[in-house]
Amino acid sequence: MDLVLKYTDDLIWTPYVYPAAWPEDEPFRQIISLFIVTNLGALVLYFLFATLSYYFLFDHALKKHPHFLENQVQREIKFSVKALPWISIPTVAIFFAEVKGYSKLYDNVDDSPYGWLGVILSMLSFLFFTDMGIYWIHRYLHHRLIYKRFHKPHHLWKIPTPFASHAFHPLDGFLQSLPYHIYPFLFPLHKVTYLGLYVFVNVWSISIHDGNYRVPDLLKPVINGAAHHTDHHLFFDYNYGQYFTLWDRIGRSYKNPSSYEGKGPLDCLNKMNNHEGEKTVDGDSFKDK
């Protein structure tokens, strides 16, 4: 995050906000700046990509599902906006440690032990490391002593929309982000790559809540997509993974998505409407005969 801090100092904080006598490397100033940048960045990512996903990918027919709550979208957004500042507090502490040089983040590709190959390998290892970490954290958040207090709020949304992606209890949200923050303290990672991956994981979290169940057939056994995560919300004890199905298969918590078997939420809606004498038009909307 020191790159972000440097650019915001050069473009915003130093010329327009902070007194000229306040040094840029003063810890209290850095913490304030990180808190503002982290919160603004999280809100921009959340509203930009969740809104795009909601209007262009989310199947609005799902809002007719019996498990879709009244005013659910507004409630998801309100929950997320209230949670994000609290999630950012421990996150900023980790970012501050990065700024002070305690991580293994590096500036130049030449600093990578294996050059560009090392950068690419670090991206892959980041995904596999965080997928493993999130799987076990997420699974233990379902323990009966923890679930009701911390993780249950996220399961209010049986049929989630993209806006549910960040609708967590603050401790739940931070714990599930922890593997992202731990990785650069354990393994070398290019700073720009880290920022790109940070954006990616937020977008991915939105995508698995978007109700768009289409995945190339070749990748269906491997990728943990929206179909898998919707079943997690519906059936509770399955598909804890973030990107891949690997750890669910290892942990015996994998469930083939009901949407792939013709038993998903949209199939449920179609059956309900057929039973009521309605017909489905082009798979998305419902009209009377």
Foldseek 3Di string as FASTA:
>chain_A
DLVVLVVCCVPPCCPDNDPVPDDSPDLVNLLVVQLVCQLVVLVCLLCVLLVCLQVPPFQCVLCPFPLNDVVNLVVLLVLLNVQRSLLVPVVSVLVSCVNVPLFQADADQVPQPVRPVSQVVLLVVLQVQLQVQQLVLLQVCLPPVRVVPWPVQLLSGLQFALSSLRNGHNVSNNSSCVSLSVSRRPDYHYPVSSVVVVSVLSSLSSQLNHNRPDDPPVCLQWFCHVLQVSVCSNVVQADSGRTTCVVRVVVVRHDRGVVVVCRDSLSVVQVVQVVVQWHDDPSRDIDHD
